[in-house]
Amino acid sequence: MLNIVLFGPPGAGKGTQSEKLIAKYGIIHLSTGDIFRANIKGGTELGNLAKSFMDQGKLVPDEVTINMLNAEVEKYESPKGFIFDGFPRTAAQASALDVLLQSKDTEISHMLALEVPEDELRQRLLLRGKDSGRPDDINPEIIQKRIDVYNSKTELVKVYYEKQGKYKGINGVGEIETIFELLCQAIDTNLVMK
């Protein structure tokens, strides 16, 4: 199975590249944000539990998130693999994801990180904000805070996957197709080696 953690700061192009990777490799997109919203809207036991934490302004415990992710993975019979979006965000979550995948006789194949300079990210987000109307993409202070949070929180996840030899930084500046080719080269080179 091909299991990818696609990383990158806000505005790096994860959404665009995820769609292309899903189409090329036939893998399933698992967005923790989408899974949370579906469980909460559907009133599932896990959704209600997550909502109880969120309503108190607390972070949802990793165990609840992993259980939701497991329930989602279980829905698919003989998948070719998954692309994880928005998860893991901490080394503890990465370790929990490893345990989950090991229980299904698979593992993370790659942690691919789109690397984009901060000036470029700020420009992209401001442009996206004009088109999308997303309030978090039009305020330069909020944009910088999101970038700072990404940088501080994800460094340990990067180190976690570097230790496993699964981390690969990808230049996220340039034409969409060129960046996609770089991602595919990183994936295909590793597939040949296995």
N, C-alpha and C. Protein backbone atom coordinates (compact mmCIF):
# COMPACT_ATOMS: atom_id res chain seq x y z
N MET A 1 0.83 -1.20 0.00
CA MET A 1 0.00 0.00 0.00
C MET A 1 0.87 1.24 0.00
N LEU A 2 0.37 2.27 -0.65
CA LEU A 2 1.05 3.55 -0.70
C LEU A 2 0.35 4.50 0.28
N ASN A 3 1.02 4.82 1.37
CA ASN A 3 0.46 5.71 2.39
C ASN A 3 1.34 6.94 2.52
N ILE A 4 0.76 8.09 2.22
CA ILE A 4 1.51 9.34 2.17
C ILE A 4 0.99 10.33 3.20
N VAL A 5 1.91 10.94 3.92
CA VAL A 5 1.58 12.11 4.72
C VAL A 5 2.06 13.29 3.89
N LEU A 6 1.14 14.14 3.45
CA LEU A 6 1.51 15.32 2.67
C LEU A 6 1.49 16.53 3.59
N PHE A 7 2.64 17.18 3.69
CA PHE A 7 2.81 18.29 4.61
C PHE A 7 3.12 19.56 3.85
N GLY A 8 2.94 20.64 4.52
CA GLY A 8 3.30 21.93 3.97
C GLY A 8 2.54 23.01 4.71
N PRO A 9 3.11 24.19 4.77
CA PRO A 9 2.44 25.29 5.47
C PRO A 9 1.19 25.74 4.72
N PRO A 10 0.35 26.56 5.35
CA PRO A 10 -0.82 27.09 4.66
C PRO A 10 -0.38 27.80 3.38
N GLY A 11 -1.04 27.48 2.27
CA GLY A 11 -0.73 28.12 1.00
C GLY A 11 0.34 27.41 0.19
N ALA A 12 0.83 26.27 0.68
CA ALA A 12 1.91 25.56 -0.04
C ALA A 12 1.40 24.81 -1.27
N GLY A 13 0.09 24.56 -1.33
CA GLY A 13 -0.46 23.84 -2.48
C GLY A 13 -0.83 22.40 -2.19
N LYS A 14 -1.01 22.07 -0.92
CA LYS A 14 -1.34 20.69 -0.55
C LYS A 14 -2.64 20.22 -1.19
N GLY A 15 -3.66 21.06 -1.17
CA GLY A 15 -4.95 20.66 -1.73
C GLY A 15 -4.85 20.35 -3.21
N THR A 16 -4.20 21.21 -3.94
CA THR A 16 -4.03 21.04 -5.39
C THR A 16 -3.25 19.75 -5.68
N GLN A 17 -2.14 19.58 -4.98
CA GLN A 17 -1.29 18.41 -5.24
C GLN A 17 -1.94 17.11 -4.74
N SER A 18 -2.70 17.18 -3.65
CA SER A 18 -3.41 15.98 -3.15
C SER A 18 -4.34 15.44 -4.23
N GLU A 19 -5.11 16.33 -4.84
CA GLU A 19 -6.06 15.90 -5.88
C GLU A 19 -5.35 15.19 -7.01
N LYS A 20 -4.20 15.71 -7.42
CA LYS A 20 -3.44 15.11 -8.52
C LYS A 20 -2.86 13.75 -8.11
N LEU A 21 -2.36 13.65 -6.88
CA LEU A 21 -1.80 12.38 -6.40
C LEU A 21 -2.88 11.31 -6.28
N ILE A 22 -4.04 11.72 -5.80
CA ILE A 22 -5.18 10.79 -5.66
C ILE A 22 -5.56 10.23 -7.02
N ALA A 23 -5.64 11.12 -8.02
CA ALA A 23 -6.02 10.70 -9.37
C ALA A 23 -4.97 9.76 -9.98
N LYS A 24 -3.70 10.09 -9.79
CA LYS A 24 -2.64 9.27 -10.41
C LYS A 24 -2.48 7.91 -9.76
N TYR A 25 -2.48 7.87 -8.43
CA TYR A 25 -2.14 6.63 -7.72
C TYR A 25 -3.36 5.86 -7.22
N GLY A 26 -4.55 6.42 -7.35
CA GLY A 26 -5.76 5.71 -6.92
C GLY A 26 -5.85 5.53 -5.41
N ILE A 27 -5.24 6.47 -4.67
CA ILE A 27 -5.27 6.37 -3.22
C ILE A 27 -6.43 7.21 -2.67
N ILE A 28 -6.75 6.98 -1.42
CA ILE A 28 -7.91 7.61 -0.79
C ILE A 28 -7.46 8.78 0.08
N HIS A 29 -8.16 9.88 -0.07
CA HIS A 29 -7.86 11.10 0.68
C HIS A 29 -8.54 11.03 2.05
N LEU A 30 -7.74 11.16 3.10
CA LEU A 30 -8.29 11.18 4.46
C LEU A 30 -7.93 12.51 5.10
N SER A 31 -8.90 13.40 5.17
CA SER A 31 -8.71 14.70 5.80
C SER A 31 -9.32 14.64 7.19
N THR A 32 -8.49 14.85 8.21
CA THR A 32 -9.02 14.77 9.57
C THR A 32 -10.10 15.83 9.79
N GLY A 33 -9.95 16.99 9.17
CA GLY A 33 -10.98 18.02 9.29
C GLY A 33 -12.32 17.54 8.76
N ASP A 34 -12.29 16.92 7.57
CA ASP A 34 -13.52 16.40 6.96
C ASP A 34 -14.12 15.28 7.80
N ILE A 35 -13.24 14.42 8.33
CA ILE A 35 -13.70 13.29 9.15
C ILE A 35 -14.36 13.79 10.43
N PHE A 36 -13.74 14.79 11.07
CA PHE A 36 -14.33 15.39 12.27
C PHE A 36 -15.72 15.95 11.96
N ARG A 37 -15.79 16.76 10.89
CA ARG A 37 -17.07 17.39 10.55
C ARG A 37 -18.15 16.36 10.25
N ALA A 38 -17.80 15.30 9.52
CA ALA A 38 -18.78 14.26 9.18
C ALA A 38 -19.26 13.53 10.42
N ASN A 39 -18.35 13.22 11.34
CA ASN A 39 -18.74 12.52 12.57
C ASN A 39 -19.60 13.39 13.47
N ILE A 40 -19.26 14.67 13.56
CA ILE A 40 -20.05 15.59 14.39
C ILE A 40 -21.44 15.79 13.78
N LYS A 41 -21.47 16.03 12.47
CA LYS A 41 -22.75 16.23 11.78
C LYS A 41 -23.61 14.97 11.85
N GLY A 42 -22.95 13.80 11.72
CA GLY A 42 -23.67 12.53 11.75
C GLY A 42 -24.06 12.09 13.15
N GLY A 43 -23.59 12.81 14.16
CA GLY A 43 -23.95 12.48 15.54
C GLY A 43 -23.41 11.13 15.99
N THR A 44 -22.25 10.71 15.43
CA THR A 44 -21.68 9.43 15.85
C THR A 44 -21.18 9.55 17.28
N GLU A 45 -20.95 8.41 17.90
CA GLU A 45 -20.44 8.40 19.28
C GLU A 45 -19.12 9.17 19.36
N LEU A 46 -18.21 8.90 18.40
CA LEU A 46 -16.93 9.60 18.39
C LEU A 46 -17.10 11.08 18.08
N GLY A 47 -18.03 11.40 17.19
CA GLY A 47 -18.31 12.79 16.84
C GLY A 47 -18.81 13.57 18.04
N ASN A 48 -19.72 12.96 18.78
CA ASN A 48 -20.25 13.62 19.99
C ASN A 48 -19.17 13.81 21.05
N LEU A 49 -18.29 12.80 21.15
CA LEU A 49 -17.19 12.89 22.11
C LEU A 49 -16.24 14.03 21.71
N ALA A 50 -15.89 14.08 20.43
CA ALA A 50 -15.00 15.15 19.93
C ALA A 50 -15.64 16.52 20.16
N LYS A 51 -16.94 16.62 19.87
CA LYS A 51 -17.66 17.89 20.02
C LYS A 51 -17.65 18.35 21.47
N SER A 52 -17.75 17.40 22.40
CA SER A 52 -17.77 17.77 23.82
C SER A 52 -16.45 18.46 24.22
N PHE A 53 -15.34 18.00 23.65
CA PHE A 53 -14.05 18.65 23.92
C PHE A 53 -13.99 20.01 23.24
N MET A 54 -14.42 20.05 21.99
CA MET A 54 -14.36 21.29 21.21
C MET A 54 -15.24 22.38 21.84
N ASP A 55 -16.41 21.97 22.32
CA ASP A 55 -17.32 22.93 22.93
C ASP A 55 -16.73 23.57 24.20
N GLN A 56 -15.79 22.85 24.82
CA GLN A 56 -15.11 23.38 26.01
C GLN A 56 -13.83 24.14 25.64
N GLY A 57 -13.58 24.25 24.34
CA GLY A 57 -12.37 24.94 23.89
C GLY A 57 -11.11 24.11 24.07
N LYS A 58 -11.27 22.81 24.22
CA LYS A 58 -10.14 21.91 24.43
C LYS A 58 -9.77 21.21 23.12
N LEU A 59 -8.52 20.78 23.03
CA LEU A 59 -8.10 19.97 21.90
C LEU A 59 -8.71 18.58 22.04
N VAL A 60 -9.10 18.00 20.93
CA VAL A 60 -9.62 16.64 20.95
C VAL A 60 -8.44 15.70 21.21
N PRO A 61 -8.56 14.80 22.19
CA PRO A 61 -7.45 13.89 22.49
C PRO A 61 -7.06 13.05 21.27
N ASP A 62 -5.77 12.75 21.18
CA ASP A 62 -5.26 11.96 20.06
C ASP A 62 -6.00 10.63 19.92
N GLU A 63 -6.33 10.01 21.05
CA GLU A 63 -7.01 8.71 21.01
C GLU A 63 -8.34 8.80 20.26
N VAL A 64 -9.08 9.88 20.47
CA VAL A 64 -10.37 10.06 19.78
C VAL A 64 -10.13 10.25 18.29
N THR A 65 -9.13 11.06 17.95
CA THR A 65 -8.81 11.31 16.55
C THR A 65 -8.39 10.03 15.86
N ILE A 66 -7.52 9.25 16.49
CA ILE A 66 -7.06 7.98 15.92
C ILE A 66 -8.23 7.01 15.74
N ASN A 67 -9.14 6.97 16.71
CA ASN A 67 -10.30 6.08 16.59
C ASN A 67 -11.19 6.49 15.42
N MET A 68 -11.34 7.80 15.21
CA MET A 68 -12.12 8.28 14.05
C MET A 68 -11.42 7.89 12.76
N LEU A 69 -10.11 8.05 12.73
CA LEU A 69 -9.32 7.71 11.55
C LEU A 69 -9.42 6.22 11.27
N ASN A 70 -9.34 5.41 12.31
CA ASN A 70 -9.46 3.96 12.15
C ASN A 70 -10.83 3.59 11.58
N ALA A 71 -11.88 4.20 12.10
CA ALA A 71 -13.23 3.92 11.59
C ALA A 71 -13.33 4.27 10.11
N GLU A 72 -12.67 5.33 9.72
CA GLU A 72 -12.68 5.76 8.31
C GLU A 72 -11.90 4.78 7.44
N VAL A 73 -10.72 4.37 7.90
CA VAL A 73 -9.89 3.42 7.15
C VAL A 73 -10.63 2.10 6.97
N GLU A 74 -11.37 1.68 8.00
CA GLU A 74 -12.11 0.41 7.97
C GLU A 74 -13.20 0.39 6.90
N LYS A 75 -13.64 1.56 6.45
CA LYS A 75 -14.71 1.63 5.45
C LYS A 75 -14.27 1.12 4.08
N TYR A 76 -12.96 1.04 3.86
CA TYR A 76 -12.45 0.70 2.53
C TYR A 76 -11.92 -0.72 2.49
N GLU A 77 -12.39 -1.46 1.49
CA GLU A 77 -11.94 -2.83 1.32
C GLU A 77 -10.84 -2.86 0.27
N SER A 78 -9.70 -3.37 0.61
CA SER A 78 -8.53 -3.47 -0.28
C SER A 78 -8.15 -2.15 -0.94
N PRO A 79 -7.92 -1.10 -0.14
CA PRO A 79 -7.50 0.18 -0.73
C PRO A 79 -6.06 0.09 -1.25
N LYS A 80 -5.74 0.92 -2.24
CA LYS A 80 -4.37 0.99 -2.74
C LYS A 80 -3.48 1.77 -1.78
N GLY A 81 -4.12 2.57 -0.93
CA GLY A 81 -3.39 3.37 0.03
C GLY A 81 -4.15 4.62 0.39
N PHE A 82 -3.52 5.46 1.21
CA PHE A 82 -4.17 6.67 1.71
C PHE A 82 -3.22 7.85 1.64
N ILE A 83 -3.80 9.02 1.51
CA ILE A 83 -3.04 10.25 1.67
C ILE A 83 -3.62 10.96 2.88
N PHE A 84 -2.80 11.18 3.88
CA PHE A 84 -3.25 11.77 5.14
C PHE A 84 -3.06 13.28 5.08
N ASP A 85 -4.14 13.99 5.32
CA ASP A 85 -4.18 15.45 5.21
C ASP A 85 -4.57 16.03 6.57
N GLY A 86 -3.67 16.83 7.14
CA GLY A 86 -3.96 17.44 8.44
C GLY A 86 -3.62 16.56 9.62
N PHE A 87 -2.97 15.45 9.36
CA PHE A 87 -2.62 14.51 10.42
C PHE A 87 -1.47 13.67 9.91
N PRO A 88 -0.48 13.39 10.73
CA PRO A 88 -0.30 13.80 12.12
C PRO A 88 0.29 15.20 12.23
N ARG A 89 0.02 15.85 13.34
CA ARG A 89 0.56 17.19 13.60
C ARG A 89 1.57 17.21 14.73
N THR A 90 1.72 16.09 15.41
CA THR A 90 2.70 15.98 16.50
C THR A 90 3.41 14.62 16.37
N ALA A 91 4.55 14.49 17.02
CA ALA A 91 5.27 13.22 17.00
C ALA A 91 4.43 12.12 17.66
N ALA A 92 3.69 12.47 18.71
CA ALA A 92 2.83 11.47 19.37
C ALA A 92 1.75 10.97 18.41
N GLN A 93 1.18 11.88 17.62
CA GLN A 93 0.17 11.47 16.64
C GLN A 93 0.81 10.60 15.55
N ALA A 94 2.03 10.93 15.13
CA ALA A 94 2.73 10.13 14.12
C ALA A 94 2.96 8.71 14.64
N SER A 95 3.35 8.61 15.90
CA SER A 95 3.57 7.30 16.51
C SER A 95 2.25 6.51 16.59
N ALA A 96 1.17 7.20 16.98
CA ALA A 96 -0.14 6.54 17.06
C ALA A 96 -0.61 6.08 15.67
N LEU A 97 -0.32 6.89 14.65
CA LEU A 97 -0.68 6.51 13.28
C LEU A 97 0.11 5.27 12.85
N ASP A 98 1.39 5.21 13.23
CA ASP A 98 2.20 4.03 12.92
C ASP A 98 1.58 2.77 13.54
N VAL A 99 1.15 2.87 14.78
CA VAL A 99 0.54 1.72 15.47
C VAL A 99 -0.74 1.30 14.75
N LEU A 100 -1.56 2.28 14.38
CA LEU A 100 -2.81 1.99 13.66
C LEU A 100 -2.51 1.26 12.35
N LEU A 101 -1.57 1.80 11.58
CA LEU A 101 -1.27 1.19 10.28
C LEU A 101 -0.62 -0.18 10.43
N GLN A 102 0.23 -0.34 11.45
CA GLN A 102 0.85 -1.65 11.69
C GLN A 102 -0.22 -2.71 11.99
N SER A 103 -1.30 -2.30 12.65
CA SER A 103 -2.38 -3.24 12.95
C SER A 103 -3.09 -3.68 11.66
N LYS A 104 -2.85 -2.97 10.58
CA LYS A 104 -3.43 -3.30 9.28
C LYS A 104 -2.36 -3.79 8.30
N ASP A 105 -1.21 -4.16 8.85
CA ASP A 105 -0.08 -4.68 8.08
C ASP A 105 0.41 -3.73 7.00
N THR A 106 0.47 -2.45 7.34
CA THR A 106 1.00 -1.47 6.41
C THR A 106 1.72 -0.39 7.21
N GLU A 107 2.24 0.61 6.52
CA GLU A 107 2.97 1.68 7.18
C GLU A 107 2.95 2.93 6.31
N ILE A 108 3.42 4.03 6.87
CA ILE A 108 3.59 5.25 6.08
C ILE A 108 4.73 5.00 5.10
N SER A 109 4.48 5.28 3.82
CA SER A 109 5.51 5.11 2.80
C SER A 109 6.40 6.35 2.72
N HIS A 110 5.76 7.53 2.77
CA HIS A 110 6.47 8.80 2.61
C HIS A 110 5.83 9.88 3.45
N MET A 111 6.67 10.78 3.91
CA MET A 111 6.20 12.05 4.45
C MET A 111 6.79 13.09 3.50
N LEU A 112 5.96 13.61 2.62
CA LEU A 112 6.39 14.59 1.62
C LEU A 112 5.98 15.98 2.09
N ALA A 113 6.96 16.88 2.12
CA ALA A 113 6.70 18.24 2.61
C ALA A 113 6.95 19.24 1.50
N LEU A 114 5.91 20.00 1.17
CA LEU A 114 6.06 21.08 0.19
C LEU A 114 6.74 22.25 0.90
N GLU A 115 7.89 22.63 0.41
CA GLU A 115 8.68 23.69 1.04
C GLU A 115 8.57 24.96 0.21
N VAL A 116 8.05 26.01 0.85
CA VAL A 116 7.82 27.29 0.18
C VAL A 116 8.29 28.41 1.10
N PRO A 117 9.08 29.37 0.59
CA PRO A 117 9.51 30.50 1.42
C PRO A 117 8.31 31.29 1.96
N GLU A 118 8.48 31.85 3.16
CA GLU A 118 7.37 32.56 3.82
C GLU A 118 6.83 33.73 3.00
N ASP A 119 7.69 34.48 2.33
CA ASP A 119 7.21 35.60 1.51
C ASP A 119 6.24 35.12 0.44
N GLU A 120 6.59 34.01 -0.18
CA GLU A 120 5.74 33.42 -1.22
C GLU A 120 4.41 32.96 -0.62
N LEU A 121 4.47 32.32 0.55
CA LEU A 121 3.25 31.85 1.22
C LEU A 121 2.30 33.01 1.50
N ARG A 122 2.86 34.09 2.03
CA ARG A 122 2.03 35.26 2.36
C ARG A 122 1.34 35.80 1.10
N GLN A 123 2.08 35.90 0.01
CA GLN A 123 1.50 36.39 -1.25
C GLN A 123 0.39 35.46 -1.75
N ARG A 124 0.66 34.16 -1.72
CA ARG A 124 -0.33 33.18 -2.18
C ARG A 124 -1.62 33.26 -1.36
N LEU A 125 -1.46 33.34 -0.04
CA LEU A 125 -2.64 33.35 0.83
C LEU A 125 -3.45 34.63 0.65
N LEU A 126 -2.77 35.75 0.49
CA LEU A 126 -3.50 37.00 0.26
C LEU A 126 -4.26 36.95 -1.06
N LEU A 127 -3.65 36.39 -2.10
CA LEU A 127 -4.34 36.23 -3.38
C LEU A 127 -5.51 35.26 -3.25
N ARG A 128 -5.28 34.15 -2.55
CA ARG A 128 -6.36 33.18 -2.34
C ARG A 128 -7.51 33.81 -1.56
N GLY A 129 -7.16 34.65 -0.58
CA GLY A 129 -8.19 35.32 0.22
C GLY A 129 -9.08 36.22 -0.61
N LYS A 130 -8.50 36.88 -1.61
CA LYS A 130 -9.30 37.74 -2.48
C LYS A 130 -10.32 36.93 -3.28
N ASP A 131 -9.91 35.72 -3.70
CA ASP A 131 -10.79 34.86 -4.51
C ASP A 131 -11.78 34.06 -3.67
N SER A 132 -11.29 33.56 -2.51
CA SER A 132 -12.12 32.64 -1.73
C SER A 132 -13.00 33.33 -0.70
N GLY A 133 -12.57 34.51 -0.27
CA GLY A 133 -13.32 35.21 0.77
C GLY A 133 -13.07 34.63 2.15
N ARG A 134 -12.11 33.72 2.26
CA ARG A 134 -11.79 33.14 3.57
C ARG A 134 -11.16 34.21 4.45
N PRO A 135 -11.75 34.48 5.61
CA PRO A 135 -11.22 35.55 6.47
C PRO A 135 -9.80 35.28 6.96
N ASP A 136 -9.42 34.01 7.08
CA ASP A 136 -8.07 33.71 7.57
C ASP A 136 -7.01 33.89 6.49
N ASP A 137 -7.43 34.15 5.25
CA ASP A 137 -6.48 34.36 4.16
C ASP A 137 -6.35 35.82 3.76
N ILE A 138 -7.03 36.73 4.44
CA ILE A 138 -6.94 38.14 4.03
C ILE A 138 -6.27 39.02 5.08
N ASN A 139 -6.04 38.47 6.25
CA ASN A 139 -5.42 39.24 7.33
C ASN A 139 -3.94 38.83 7.47
N PRO A 140 -3.01 39.75 7.14
CA PRO A 140 -1.58 39.40 7.21
C PRO A 140 -1.13 38.89 8.58
N GLU A 141 -1.70 39.41 9.66
CA GLU A 141 -1.31 38.96 11.00
C GLU A 141 -1.74 37.51 11.24
N ILE A 142 -2.95 37.19 10.81
CA ILE A 142 -3.45 35.81 10.98
C ILE A 142 -2.64 34.87 10.10
N ILE A 143 -2.33 35.30 8.89
CA ILE A 143 -1.51 34.49 7.98
C ILE A 143 -0.17 34.16 8.64
N GLN A 144 0.49 35.18 9.20
CA GLN A 144 1.80 34.96 9.83
C GLN A 144 1.68 34.02 11.03
N LYS A 145 0.62 34.18 11.80
CA LYS A 145 0.42 33.31 12.96
C LYS A 145 0.25 31.86 12.51
N ARG A 146 -0.51 31.63 11.44
CA ARG A 146 -0.71 30.27 10.92
C ARG A 146 0.62 29.67 10.45
N ILE A 147 1.43 30.48 9.79
CA ILE A 147 2.74 30.00 9.33
C ILE A 147 3.63 29.67 10.53
N ASP A 148 3.64 30.55 11.53
CA ASP A 148 4.46 30.34 12.73
C ASP A 148 4.03 29.06 13.47
N VAL A 149 2.73 28.85 13.59
CA VAL A 149 2.22 27.65 14.27
C VAL A 149 2.65 26.41 13.49
N TYR A 150 2.52 26.47 12.18
CA TYR A 150 2.95 25.33 11.35
C TYR A 150 4.43 25.03 11.61
N ASN A 151 5.26 26.07 11.55
CA ASN A 151 6.70 25.87 11.73
C ASN A 151 7.04 25.29 13.09
N SER A 152 6.40 25.79 14.14
CA SER A 152 6.74 25.32 15.48
C SER A 152 6.19 23.93 15.77
N LYS A 153 5.00 23.63 15.30
CA LYS A 153 4.36 22.35 15.63
C LYS A 153 4.89 21.20 14.79
N THR A 154 5.23 21.48 13.53
CA THR A 154 5.53 20.37 12.64
C THR A 154 6.98 19.95 12.59
N GLU A 155 7.86 20.74 13.17
CA GLU A 155 9.28 20.40 13.14
C GLU A 155 9.54 19.02 13.76
N LEU A 156 8.85 18.71 14.85
CA LEU A 156 9.05 17.42 15.51
C LEU A 156 8.50 16.26 14.68
N VAL A 157 7.46 16.52 13.90
CA VAL A 157 6.92 15.48 13.02
C VAL A 157 7.93 15.21 11.90
N LYS A 158 8.51 16.28 11.39
CA LYS A 158 9.55 16.16 10.35
C LYS A 158 10.70 15.29 10.89
N VAL A 159 11.16 15.60 12.09
CA VAL A 159 12.26 14.85 12.70
C VAL A 159 11.87 13.38 12.87
N TYR A 160 10.63 13.13 13.29
CA TYR A 160 10.12 11.77 13.50
C TYR A 160 10.27 10.95 12.21
N TYR A 161 9.82 11.53 11.08
CA TYR A 161 9.88 10.80 9.81
C TYR A 161 11.29 10.78 9.23
N GLU A 162 12.11 11.79 9.52
CA GLU A 162 13.51 11.77 9.08
C GLU A 162 14.23 10.59 9.71
N LYS A 163 13.96 10.33 10.98
CA LYS A 163 14.60 9.21 11.69
C LYS A 163 14.23 7.88 11.04
N GLN A 164 13.04 7.82 10.43
CA GLN A 164 12.60 6.59 9.75
C GLN A 164 13.04 6.54 8.29
N GLY A 165 13.69 7.61 7.82
CA GLY A 165 14.11 7.68 6.43
C GLY A 165 12.96 7.88 5.45
N LYS A 166 11.86 8.45 5.95
CA LYS A 166 10.66 8.61 5.11
C LYS A 166 10.36 10.06 4.73
N TYR A 167 11.13 10.99 5.28
CA TYR A 167 10.89 12.41 5.00
C TYR A 167 11.56 12.83 3.70
N LYS A 168 10.83 13.59 2.90
CA LYS A 168 11.40 14.16 1.67
C LYS A 168 10.83 15.55 1.48
N GLY A 169 11.70 16.54 1.47
CA GLY A 169 11.29 17.90 1.19
C GLY A 169 11.19 18.10 -0.32
N ILE A 170 10.13 18.76 -0.74
CA ILE A 170 9.88 19.01 -2.16
C ILE A 170 9.76 20.51 -2.38
N ASN A 171 10.47 21.04 -3.36
CA ASN A 171 10.37 22.46 -3.68
C ASN A 171 8.95 22.76 -4.15
N GLY A 172 8.24 23.56 -3.37
CA GLY A 172 6.85 23.88 -3.67
C GLY A 172 6.67 25.18 -4.44
N VAL A 173 7.74 25.69 -5.05
CA VAL A 173 7.66 26.91 -5.84
C VAL A 173 7.85 26.55 -7.30
N GLY A 174 6.95 27.05 -8.14
CA GLY A 174 7.05 26.78 -9.57
C GLY A 174 5.70 26.41 -10.13
N GLU A 175 5.72 25.87 -11.34
CA GLU A 175 4.48 25.46 -11.99
C GLU A 175 3.88 24.25 -11.26
N ILE A 176 2.57 24.19 -11.22
CA ILE A 176 1.87 23.09 -10.54
C ILE A 176 2.34 21.74 -11.08
N GLU A 177 2.46 21.62 -12.40
CA GLU A 177 2.86 20.35 -13.01
C GLU A 177 4.30 19.96 -12.64
N THR A 178 5.18 20.95 -12.56
CA THR A 178 6.58 20.68 -12.20
C THR A 178 6.66 20.15 -10.77
N ILE A 179 5.91 20.78 -9.86
CA ILE A 179 5.88 20.34 -8.46
C ILE A 179 5.30 18.93 -8.37
N PHE A 180 4.25 18.69 -9.14
CA PHE A 180 3.62 17.36 -9.16
C PHE A 180 4.62 16.30 -9.64
N GLU A 181 5.40 16.63 -10.66
CA GLU A 181 6.41 15.69 -11.15
C GLU A 181 7.45 15.38 -10.08
N LEU A 182 7.84 16.39 -9.31
CA LEU A 182 8.81 16.17 -8.22
C LEU A 182 8.22 15.23 -7.17
N LEU A 183 6.95 15.43 -6.84
CA LEU A 183 6.29 14.55 -5.87
C LEU A 183 6.24 13.11 -6.40
N CYS A 184 5.88 12.96 -7.67
CA CYS A 184 5.79 11.63 -8.27
C CYS A 184 7.15 10.95 -8.32
N GLN A 185 8.20 11.72 -8.63
CA GLN A 185 9.55 11.15 -8.66
C GLN A 185 9.93 10.61 -7.27
N ALA A 186 9.61 11.37 -6.23
CA ALA A 186 9.92 10.93 -4.87
C ALA A 186 9.17 9.65 -4.53
N ILE A 187 7.92 9.57 -4.94
CA ILE A 187 7.11 8.39 -4.66
C ILE A 187 7.60 7.20 -5.47
N ASP A 188 7.77 7.40 -6.79
CA ASP A 188 8.12 6.30 -7.68
C ASP A 188 9.52 5.74 -7.39
N THR A 189 10.46 6.61 -7.05
CA THR A 189 11.82 6.15 -6.71
C THR A 189 11.77 5.21 -5.52
N ASN A 190 10.98 5.59 -4.52
CA ASN A 190 10.86 4.76 -3.33
C ASN A 190 10.14 3.45 -3.63
N LEU A 191 9.13 3.48 -4.50
CA LEU A 191 8.38 2.27 -4.83
C LEU A 191 9.27 1.27 -5.52
N VAL A 192 10.17 1.75 -6.38
CA VAL A 192 11.09 0.88 -7.10
C VAL A 192 12.07 0.21 -6.13
N MET A 193 12.47 0.98 -5.10
CA MET A 193 13.44 0.47 -4.13
C MET A 193 12.85 -0.60 -3.22
N LYS A 194 11.54 -0.61 -3.04
CA LYS A 194 10.93 -1.56 -2.09
C LYS A 194 10.73 -2.93 -2.72
